[in-house]
Amino acid sequence: MKHILIDIESLGTNYYSPVLSIGAVEFKPEENQSLGKEFYQVVSLSDSMSSAIVSADTLKWWMQQSDKAREVFKEAGQPLQSVLLMLSQFITQTANGEDFRVWSRGKLDFDILETNFKLCAVTIPWKYNQIRDSRTFIEELKDYCPCFQEINDNEHNALSDATFEALNIMHIMSYLRKI
């Protein structure tokens, strides 16, 4: 079975938050092998903000992040609909007709993405029963797994965060298979 972890960076914490970037990575937790295909796109800030609600608190939070994390604001970006079409294509090609699971750190990223898929008239590339929550999985199991890695050198970069989450899931599943 294919697994894909998605992470987004946004300017808010509600369904209508502007999306800054989307990162996704293929992984195979049952094999604990290296990661597979990657996806990363920055969304045009002006396009993303055209029908979205910016959170002042989130904007302040972004201003307090590292220079490296804020680099996303310097990138040109693609129109939101184009990025969503590319993400959908990435998921479809990665799944290659097989059943798959799509993971994200909590429900909010899925809610924001699904809202934007609908607003941009792009078909949501997953079904409700394919969604998995990496936050719950990791938070509940990390204390039982020795040598758990909790450092992400490039926090708040959507691809780096997706990769970090996928590696943590793979680490936990690898350990659990041994006991």
Foldseek 3Di string as FASTA:
>chain_A
DKEKEKFWFFQDQDLQTQTFKMKMWIDDLVVLDDTDDIDIFGAARCLSPVRGDGDPVSVVVLVPDDPLLVCSVVDHTDHPLVSLVVVLVVVCVRCVPPDYAYEYADDRVVSNSVSSCVVSVHDDNDDPVRYDHLNVVCVVQVVVAPPQDDDQPRPNRGNSVRNSSSSNSSRRSVRVVVD
